[in-house]
Amino acid sequence: MSRMVVVSGGGTGIGRALAASCAKDGDAVVIVGRRADVLTAAAAEIGAHAIVADVGEVSEAERVAAEVGERFGRVDVLVNNAGGNAALTLPESGEAGAVARASAAWAANLRSNVLTAVHLTEALRDLLADNARVVLLSSIAAFRGSGSGSYGGSKAALHPYAIDLAAALGPRGITVNVVAPGYTADTEFFAGTMTSQRHEMLVGQALNKRAGHTDDVAATIRWLTSPDAGHVTAQIIQVNGGALPGR
């Protein structure tokens, strides 16, 4: 029996790799994202259903849930992949000053990484089937910082949310886990700021001396959402080639 899979941020990067893998296996896949052109192109290519929405907004998450409920009636797998370091795209502080910029960075990252996951999960909560799987995407930055605090802090906030959610949904056989990738090269995360020097530095931190790839992370999520991982819940799984905190 095919599963009903919802992936936020499914138009690019890790989300797209995961959605493509699920669709290839015959699952019914819904990808959710803000950019209509990117999302619809990805959906057409991998054979998924696209819902264009900004789930940082409560009403948009509720609209996604209404469409999923009407079209599919249930959710077997929910992967909250939407997010990123929103501080990278903020304008310079200018006359507003450093405090205002820090506040804006924290607000943007909490919205991008925490509220997107919370809104979509809570909106779809009543549609989760017994023995469903929920995965949230964190980051190595949640363990060792991100240079400015706001990105790593927002990702770290997902960890206790997942643990509490696992406790609440566990009696129905639903698992909730977090995947925290390290440097993953083939994504839009760095928004054009990656340099060859930084790339080499990040690769050098990994014990296997290579960058991560979207398929590495997607494969881990696929296992966590499989029947084989039914007794794995409330865990934070790092996928970073051994680039451990503080190295």
C-alpha atoms as a PDB file:
ATOM      1  CA  MET A   1       0.000   0.000   0.000  1.00  0.00           C
ATOM      2  CA  SER A   2       1.394   3.397  -0.978  1.00  0.00           C
ATOM      3  CA  ARG A   3       1.882   6.005   1.703  1.00  0.00           C
ATOM      4  CA  MET A   4       0.716   9.619   1.757  1.00  0.00           C
ATOM      5  CA  VAL A   5       3.808  11.815   2.243  1.00  0.00           C
ATOM      6  CA  VAL A   6       3.925  15.578   2.868  1.00  0.00           C
ATOM      7  CA  VAL A   7       7.268  17.384   2.513  1.00  0.00           C
ATOM      8  CA  SER A   8       7.588  21.096   3.214  1.00  0.00           C
ATOM      9  CA  GLY A   9      10.368  22.877   1.369  1.00  0.00           C
ATOM     10  CA  GLY A  10      10.018  20.149  -1.231  1.00  0.00           C
ATOM     11  CA  GLY A  11      10.996  22.154  -4.292  1.00  0.00           C
ATOM     12  CA  THR A  12      14.769  22.119  -3.804  1.00  0.00           C
ATOM     13  CA  GLY A  13      17.627  20.510  -1.911  1.00  0.00           C
ATOM     14  CA  ILE A  14      16.982  17.881   0.753  1.00  0.00           C
ATOM     15  CA  GLY A  15      13.210  18.180   0.462  1.00  0.00           C
ATOM     16  CA  ARG A  16      13.230  17.583  -3.260  1.00  0.00           C
ATOM     17  CA  ALA A  17      15.629  14.634  -2.967  1.00  0.00           C
ATOM     18  CA  LEU A  18      13.376  13.047  -0.367  1.00  0.00           C
ATOM     19  CA  ALA A  19      10.180  13.727  -2.295  1.00  0.00           C
ATOM     20  CA  ALA A  20      11.680  12.271  -5.469  1.00  0.00           C
ATOM     21  CA  SER A  21      12.764   9.132  -3.635  1.00  0.00           C
ATOM     22  CA  CYS A  22       9.317   8.634  -2.097  1.00  0.00           C
ATOM     23  CA  ALA A  23       7.531   9.237  -5.406  1.00  0.00           C
ATOM     24  CA  LYS A  24       9.840   6.781  -7.164  1.00  0.00           C
ATOM     25  CA  ASP A  25       8.756   4.131  -4.651  1.00  0.00           C
ATOM     26  CA  GLY A  26       5.104   4.750  -5.451  1.00  0.00           C
ATOM     27  CA  ASP A  27       4.116   6.977  -2.546  1.00  0.00           C
ATOM     28  CA  ALA A  28       1.593   9.762  -3.032  1.00  0.00           C
ATOM     29  CA  VAL A  29       3.681  12.874  -2.389  1.00  0.00           C
ATOM     30  CA  VAL A  30       2.675  16.451  -1.647  1.00  0.00           C
ATOM     31  CA  ILE A  31       5.407  19.079  -1.722  1.00  0.00           C
ATOM     32  CA  VAL A  32       4.788  22.445  -0.085  1.00  0.00           C
ATOM     33  CA  GLY A  33       6.724  25.646  -0.688  1.00  0.00           C
ATOM     34  CA  ARG A  34       6.498  29.384  -1.242  1.00  0.00           C
ATOM     35  CA  ARG A  35       7.893  29.722  -4.779  1.00  0.00           C
ATOM     36  CA  ALA A  36       5.276  28.655  -7.295  1.00  0.00           C
ATOM     37  CA  ASP A  37       7.634  28.332 -10.272  1.00  0.00           C
ATOM     38  CA  VAL A  38      10.186  26.204  -8.410  1.00  0.00           C
ATOM     39  CA  LEU A  39       7.567  24.050  -6.727  1.00  0.00           C
ATOM     40  CA  THR A  40       5.442  23.313  -9.781  1.00  0.00           C
ATOM     41  CA  ALA A  41       8.513  22.471 -11.866  1.00  0.00           C
ATOM     42  CA  ALA A  42       9.754  20.063  -9.201  1.00  0.00           C
ATOM     43  CA  ALA A  43       6.321  18.476  -8.828  1.00  0.00           C
ATOM     44  CA  ALA A  44       6.036  17.894 -12.564  1.00  0.00           C
ATOM     45  CA  GLU A  45       9.484  16.355 -12.744  1.00  0.00           C
ATOM     46  CA  ILE A  46       9.186  13.972  -9.803  1.00  0.00           C
ATOM     47  CA  GLY A  47       5.471  13.187 -10.006  1.00  0.00           C
ATOM     48  CA  ALA A  48       4.243  14.967  -6.886  1.00  0.00           C
ATOM     49  CA  HIS A  49       1.311  17.239  -6.040  1.00  0.00           C
ATOM     50  CA  ALA A  50       2.328  20.840  -5.338  1.00  0.00           C
ATOM     51  CA  ILE A  51       0.699  23.160  -2.833  1.00  0.00           C
ATOM     52  CA  VAL A  52       2.095  26.682  -2.954  1.00  0.00           C
ATOM     53  CA  ALA A  53       1.940  28.104   0.562  1.00  0.00           C
ATOM     54  CA  ASP A  54       3.960  29.989   3.137  1.00  0.00           C
ATOM     55  CA  VAL A  55       3.434  27.834   6.216  1.00  0.00           C
ATOM     56  CA  GLY A  56       5.032  30.508   8.359  1.00  0.00           C
ATOM     57  CA  GLU A  57       1.470  31.841   8.323  1.00  0.00           C
ATOM     58  CA  VAL A  58      -1.178  29.988  10.337  1.00  0.00           C
ATOM     59  CA  SER A  59      -3.846  30.454   7.687  1.00  0.00           C
ATOM     60  CA  GLU A  60      -1.580  29.051   4.980  1.00  0.00           C
ATOM     61  CA  ALA A  61      -0.770  25.943   7.022  1.00  0.00           C
ATOM     62  CA  GLU A  62      -4.473  25.437   7.655  1.00  0.00           C
ATOM     63  CA  ARG A  63      -5.146  25.773   3.922  1.00  0.00           C
ATOM     64  CA  VAL A  64      -2.557  23.078   3.200  1.00  0.00           C
ATOM     65  CA  ALA A  65      -4.202  20.786   5.751  1.00  0.00           C
ATOM     66  CA  ALA A  66      -7.637  21.381   4.254  1.00  0.00           C
ATOM     67  CA  GLU A  67      -6.421  20.497   0.755  1.00  0.00           C
ATOM     68  CA  VAL A  68      -4.513  17.428   1.930  1.00  0.00           C
ATOM     69  CA  GLY A  69      -7.510  16.259   3.934  1.00  0.00           C
ATOM     70  CA  GLU A  70      -9.925  16.708   1.046  1.00  0.00           C
ATOM     71  CA  ARG A  71      -7.668  15.096  -1.550  1.00  0.00           C
ATOM     72  CA  PHE A  72      -5.999  12.306   0.454  1.00  0.00           C
ATOM     73  CA  GLY A  73      -7.800  11.974   3.788  1.00  0.00           C
ATOM     74  CA  ARG A  74      -4.723  11.099   5.830  1.00  0.00           C
ATOM     75  CA  VAL A  75      -0.990  11.676   6.257  1.00  0.00           C
ATOM     76  CA  ASP A  76       1.405   8.754   6.759  1.00  0.00           C
ATOM     77  CA  VAL A  77       4.663  10.727   6.640  1.00  0.00           C
ATOM     78  CA  LEU A  78       5.243  14.398   7.436  1.00  0.00           C
ATOM     79  CA  VAL A  79       8.687  15.897   6.893  1.00  0.00           C
ATOM     80  CA  ASN A  80       9.161  19.497   8.010  1.00  0.00           C
ATOM     81  CA  ASN A  81      12.045  20.541   5.805  1.00  0.00           C
ATOM     82  CA  ALA A  82      11.156  24.179   5.082  1.00  0.00           C
ATOM     83  CA  GLY A  83      13.549  26.718   6.529  1.00  0.00           C
ATOM     84  CA  GLY A  84      17.045  28.108   6.247  1.00  0.00           C
ATOM     85  CA  ASN A  85      19.159  30.900   7.629  1.00  0.00           C
ATOM     86  CA  ALA A  86      16.844  33.830   7.032  1.00  0.00           C
ATOM     87  CA  ALA A  87      19.453  36.205   8.476  1.00  0.00           C
ATOM     88  CA  LEU A  88      21.562  35.759   5.334  1.00  0.00           C
ATOM     89  CA  THR A  89      19.014  37.666   3.266  1.00  0.00           C
ATOM     90  CA  LEU A  90      18.296  40.502   5.692  1.00  0.00           C
ATOM     91  CA  PRO A  91      19.352  44.000   4.633  1.00  0.00           C
ATOM     92  CA  GLU A  92      22.195  45.736   6.420  1.00  0.00           C
ATOM     93  CA  SER A  93      21.189  47.315   9.711  1.00  0.00           C
ATOM     94  CA  GLY A  94      21.885  50.882   8.562  1.00  0.00           C
ATOM     95  CA  GLU A  95      20.562  53.506  10.930  1.00  0.00           C
ATOM     96  CA  ALA A  96      18.477  50.931  12.802  1.00  0.00           C
ATOM     97  CA  GLY A  97      21.578  49.626  14.555  1.00  0.00           C
ATOM     98  CA  ALA A  98      22.925  46.290  15.728  1.00  0.00           C
ATOM     99  CA  VAL A  99      20.171  45.562  18.256  1.00  0.00           C
ATOM    100  CA  ALA A 100      17.447  45.994  15.658  1.00  0.00           C
ATOM    101  CA  ARG A 101      19.310  43.768  13.228  1.00  0.00           C
ATOM    102  CA  ALA A 102      19.765  41.060  15.876  1.00  0.00           C
ATOM    103  CA  SER A 103      16.073  41.245  16.703  1.00  0.00           C
ATOM    104  CA  ALA A 104      15.151  40.989  13.028  1.00  0.00           C
ATOM    105  CA  ALA A 105      17.464  37.997  12.542  1.00  0.00           C
ATOM    106  CA  TRP A 106      15.984  36.139  15.507  1.00  0.00           C
ATOM    107  CA  ALA A 107      12.414  36.895  14.452  1.00  0.00           C
ATOM    108  CA  ALA A 108      13.085  35.829  10.859  1.00  0.00           C
ATOM    109  CA  ASN A 109      14.800  32.578  11.827  1.00  0.00           C
ATOM    110  CA  LEU A 110      12.212  31.628  14.421  1.00  0.00           C
ATOM    111  CA  ARG A 111       9.531  32.131  11.795  1.00  0.00           C
ATOM    112  CA  SER A 112      11.468  30.326   9.064  1.00  0.00           C
ATOM    113  CA  ASN A 113      12.602  27.317  11.081  1.00  0.00           C
ATOM    114  CA  VAL A 114      10.272  26.942  14.069  1.00  0.00           C
ATOM    115  CA  LEU A 115       6.876  28.354  13.145  1.00  0.00           C
ATOM    116  CA  THR A 116       6.867  26.697   9.717  1.00  0.00           C
ATOM    117  CA  ALA A 117       7.311  23.306  11.391  1.00  0.00           C
ATOM    118  CA  VAL A 118       4.913  23.965  14.261  1.00  0.00           C
ATOM    119  CA  HIS A 119       2.165  25.416  12.077  1.00  0.00           C
ATOM    120  CA  LEU A 120       2.216  22.593   9.529  1.00  0.00           C
ATOM    121  CA  THR A 121       2.517  19.831  12.123  1.00  0.00           C
ATOM    122  CA  GLU A 122      -0.317  21.158  14.252  1.00  0.00           C
ATOM    123  CA  ALA A 123      -2.496  21.786  11.198  1.00  0.00           C
ATOM    124  CA  LEU A 124      -1.994  18.200   9.986  1.00  0.00           C
ATOM    125  CA  ARG A 125      -2.049  16.603  13.441  1.00  0.00           C
ATOM    126  CA  ASP A 126      -5.602  15.276  13.207  1.00  0.00           C
ATOM    127  CA  LEU A 127      -4.845  13.788   9.773  1.00  0.00           C
ATOM    128  CA  LEU A 128      -1.856  11.762  10.987  1.00  0.00           C
ATOM    129  CA  ALA A 129      -2.605   8.066  10.584  1.00  0.00           C
ATOM    130  CA  ASP A 130      -1.829   5.567  13.308  1.00  0.00           C
ATOM    131  CA  ASN A 131       1.850   4.556  13.032  1.00  0.00           C
ATOM    132  CA  ALA A 132       2.605   7.701  11.015  1.00  0.00           C
ATOM    133  CA  ARG A 133       6.078   9.203  10.914  1.00  0.00           C
ATOM    134  CA  VAL A 134       7.028  12.822  11.598  1.00  0.00           C
ATOM    135  CA  VAL A 135      10.512  14.217  10.955  1.00  0.00           C
ATOM    136  CA  LEU A 136      11.811  17.726  11.616  1.00  0.00           C
ATOM    137  CA  LEU A 137      14.983  19.099  10.023  1.00  0.00           C
ATOM    138  CA  SER A 138      17.481  20.676  12.413  1.00  0.00           C
ATOM    139  CA  SER A 139      21.173  21.429  11.848  1.00  0.00           C
ATOM    140  CA  ILE A 140      24.646  20.856  13.238  1.00  0.00           C
ATOM    141  CA  ALA A 141      24.382  24.538  14.177  1.00  0.00           C
ATOM    142  CA  ALA A 142      21.929  23.573  16.928  1.00  0.00           C
ATOM    143  CA  PHE A 143      24.842  21.825  18.676  1.00  0.00           C
ATOM    144  CA  ARG A 144      27.760  24.139  18.021  1.00  0.00           C
ATOM    145  CA  GLY A 145      26.315  27.512  17.077  1.00  0.00           C
ATOM    146  CA  SER A 146      25.939  29.296  13.787  1.00  0.00           C
ATOM    147  CA  GLY A 147      28.079  32.391  14.260  1.00  0.00           C
ATOM    148  CA  SER A 148      25.207  34.733  15.074  1.00  0.00           C
ATOM    149  CA  GLY A 149      23.015  32.669  17.385  1.00  0.00           C
ATOM    150  CA  SER A 150      19.673  33.068  15.692  1.00  0.00           C
ATOM    151  CA  TYR A 151      19.906  30.236  13.153  1.00  0.00           C
ATOM    152  CA  GLY A 152      21.356  27.643  15.524  1.00  0.00           C
ATOM    153  CA  GLY A 153      18.994  28.755  18.276  1.00  0.00           C
ATOM    154  CA  SER A 154      15.947  28.387  16.051  1.00  0.00           C
ATOM    155  CA  LYS A 155      16.971  24.897  14.975  1.00  0.00           C
ATOM    156  CA  ALA A 156      17.664  23.869  18.575  1.00  0.00           C
ATOM    157  CA  ALA A 157      14.119  24.892  19.489  1.00  0.00           C
ATOM    158  CA  LEU A 158      12.816  22.038  17.361  1.00  0.00           C
ATOM    159  CA  HIS A 159      14.429  19.410  19.595  1.00  0.00           C
ATOM    160  CA  PRO A 160      12.202  19.749  22.689  1.00  0.00           C
ATOM    161  CA  TYR A 161       9.168  20.268  20.463  1.00  0.00           C
ATOM    162  CA  ALA A 162       9.862  16.921  18.777  1.00  0.00           C
ATOM    163  CA  ILE A 163      10.380  15.168  22.120  1.00  0.00           C
ATOM    164  CA  ASP A 164       7.118  16.519  23.539  1.00  0.00           C
ATOM    165  CA  LEU A 165       5.281  15.645  20.326  1.00  0.00           C
ATOM    166  CA  ALA A 166       6.704  12.116  20.399  1.00  0.00           C
ATOM    167  CA  ALA A 167       5.345  11.660  23.915  1.00  0.00           C
ATOM    168  CA  ALA A 168       1.913  12.931  22.938  1.00  0.00           C
ATOM    169  CA  LEU A 169       1.612  10.861  19.754  1.00  0.00           C
ATOM    170  CA  GLY A 170       3.488   7.745  20.861  1.00  0.00           C
ATOM    171  CA  PRO A 171       0.414   5.854  22.119  1.00  0.00           C
ATOM    172  CA  ARG A 172      -0.844   5.826  18.520  1.00  0.00           C
ATOM    173  CA  GLY A 173       2.405   4.334  17.253  1.00  0.00           C
ATOM    174  CA  ILE A 174       3.464   7.640  15.704  1.00  0.00           C
ATOM    175  CA  THR A 175       7.175   8.402  15.846  1.00  0.00           C
ATOM    176  CA  VAL A 176       8.668  11.895  15.873  1.00  0.00           C
ATOM    177  CA  ASN A 177      12.363  12.409  15.211  1.00  0.00           C
ATOM    178  CA  VAL A 178      14.792  15.150  14.228  1.00  0.00           C
ATOM    179  CA  VAL A 179      17.507  14.948  11.581  1.00  0.00           C
ATOM    180  CA  ALA A 180      20.358  17.427  11.985  1.00  0.00           C
ATOM    181  CA  PRO A 181      22.537  17.624   8.862  1.00  0.00           C
ATOM    182  CA  GLY A 182      26.001  19.087   8.718  1.00  0.00           C
ATOM    183  CA  TYR A 183      27.429  20.807   5.643  1.00  0.00           C
ATOM    184  CA  THR A 184      25.343  19.689   2.670  1.00  0.00           C
ATOM    185  CA  ALA A 185      26.740  21.047  -0.558  1.00  0.00           C
ATOM    186  CA  ASP A 186      23.915  20.677  -3.090  1.00  0.00           C
ATOM    187  CA  THR A 187      21.358  23.003  -1.500  1.00  0.00           C
ATOM    188  CA  GLU A 188      20.469  26.696  -1.616  1.00  0.00           C
ATOM    189  CA  PHE A 189      21.257  27.137   2.074  1.00  0.00           C
ATOM    190  CA  PHE A 190      24.237  29.475   1.756  1.00  0.00           C
ATOM    191  CA  ALA A 191      22.414  31.810  -0.658  1.00  0.00           C
ATOM    192  CA  GLY A 192      25.493  32.316  -2.819  1.00  0.00           C
ATOM    193  CA  THR A 193      27.833  33.132   0.082  1.00  0.00           C
ATOM    194  CA  MET A 194      29.890  29.918  -0.006  1.00  0.00           C
ATOM    195  CA  THR A 195      33.559  30.399  -0.921  1.00  0.00           C
ATOM    196  CA  SER A 196      36.057  27.747  -1.944  1.00  0.00           C
ATOM    197  CA  GLN A 197      38.007  28.388   1.266  1.00  0.00           C
ATOM    198  CA  ARG A 198      34.961  27.834   3.454  1.00  0.00           C
ATOM    199  CA  HIS A 199      34.001  24.755   1.475  1.00  0.00           C
ATOM    200  CA  GLU A 200      37.419  23.232   2.065  1.00  0.00           C
ATOM    201  CA  MET A 201      37.264  24.116   5.763  1.00  0.00           C
ATOM    202  CA  LEU A 202      33.864  22.447   6.212  1.00  0.00           C
ATOM    203  CA  VAL A 203      34.922  19.379   4.246  1.00  0.00           C
ATOM    204  CA  GLY A 204      38.051  19.180   6.402  1.00  0.00           C
ATOM    205  CA  GLN A 205      35.915  19.019   9.561  1.00  0.00           C
ATOM    206  CA  ALA A 206      34.215  15.824   8.371  1.00  0.00           C
ATOM    207  CA  LEU A 207      36.014  12.641   9.343  1.00  0.00           C
ATOM    208  CA  ASN A 208      35.315  11.152   5.921  1.00  0.00           C
ATOM    209  CA  LYS A 209      36.660  14.323   4.254  1.00  0.00           C
ATOM    210  CA  ARG A 210      33.748  15.069   1.970  1.00  0.00           C
ATOM    211  CA  ALA A 211      30.723  17.294   1.879  1.00  0.00           C
ATOM    212  CA  GLY A 212      27.321  15.855   2.620  1.00  0.00           C
ATOM    213  CA  HIS A 213      24.826  15.458  -0.196  1.00  0.00           C
ATOM    214  CA  THR A 214      21.069  15.734  -0.228  1.00  0.00           C
ATOM    215  CA  ASP A 215      20.772  11.994  -0.857  1.00  0.00           C
ATOM    216  CA  ASP A 216      22.710  11.297   2.373  1.00  0.00           C
ATOM    217  CA  VAL A 217      20.109  13.161   4.395  1.00  0.00           C
ATOM    218  CA  ALA A 218      17.159  11.866   2.374  1.00  0.00           C
ATOM    219  CA  ALA A 219      18.275   8.273   2.944  1.00  0.00           C
ATOM    220  CA  THR A 220      18.388   8.826   6.705  1.00  0.00           C
ATOM    221  CA  ILE A 221      14.899  10.324   6.654  1.00  0.00           C
ATOM    222  CA  ARG A 222      13.647   7.421   4.532  1.00  0.00           C
ATOM    223  CA  TRP A 223      14.880   4.962   7.154  1.00  0.00           C
ATOM    224  CA  LEU A 224      13.331   6.929  10.015  1.00  0.00           C
ATOM    225  CA  THR A 225      10.009   6.927   8.173  1.00  0.00           C
ATOM    226  CA  SER A 226      10.154   3.214   7.371  1.00  0.00           C
ATOM    227  CA  PRO A 227       8.521   0.354   9.327  1.00  0.00           C
ATOM    228  CA  ASP A 228      12.024  -0.706  10.424  1.00  0.00           C
ATOM    229  CA  ALA A 229      12.319   2.418  12.592  1.00  0.00           C
ATOM    230  CA  GLY A 230       9.069   1.955  14.488  1.00  0.00           C
ATOM    231  CA  HIS A 231      10.843   1.843  17.866  1.00  0.00           C
ATOM    232  CA  VAL A 232      12.981   4.931  17.189  1.00  0.00           C
ATOM    233  CA  THR A 233      11.345   8.118  18.420  1.00  0.00           C
ATOM    234  CA  ALA A 234      12.227  11.373  20.212  1.00  0.00           C
ATOM    235  CA  GLN A 235      15.759  11.170  18.778  1.00  0.00           C
ATOM    236  CA  ILE A 236      18.049  13.739  17.151  1.00  0.00           C
ATOM    237  CA  ILE A 237      20.067  12.055  14.408  1.00  0.00           C
ATOM    238  CA  GLN A 238      23.134  13.886  13.094  1.00  0.00           C
ATOM    239  CA  VAL A 239      24.200  13.382   9.472  1.00  0.00           C
ATOM    240  CA  ASN A 240      27.520  15.183   9.151  1.00  0.00           C
ATOM    241  CA  GLY A 241      30.350  12.793   8.342  1.00  0.00           C
ATOM    242  CA  GLY A 242      31.594  13.002  11.922  1.00  0.00           C
ATOM    243  CA  ALA A 243      31.976  16.784  11.956  1.00  0.00           C
ATOM    244  CA  LEU A 244      31.227  16.778  15.667  1.00  0.00           C
ATOM    245  CA  PRO A 245      30.495  19.843  17.826  1.00  0.00           C
ATOM    246  CA  GLY A 246      33.588  21.783  18.755  1.00  0.00           C
ATOM    247  CA  ARG A 247      35.977  20.139  16.312  1.00  0.00           C
END
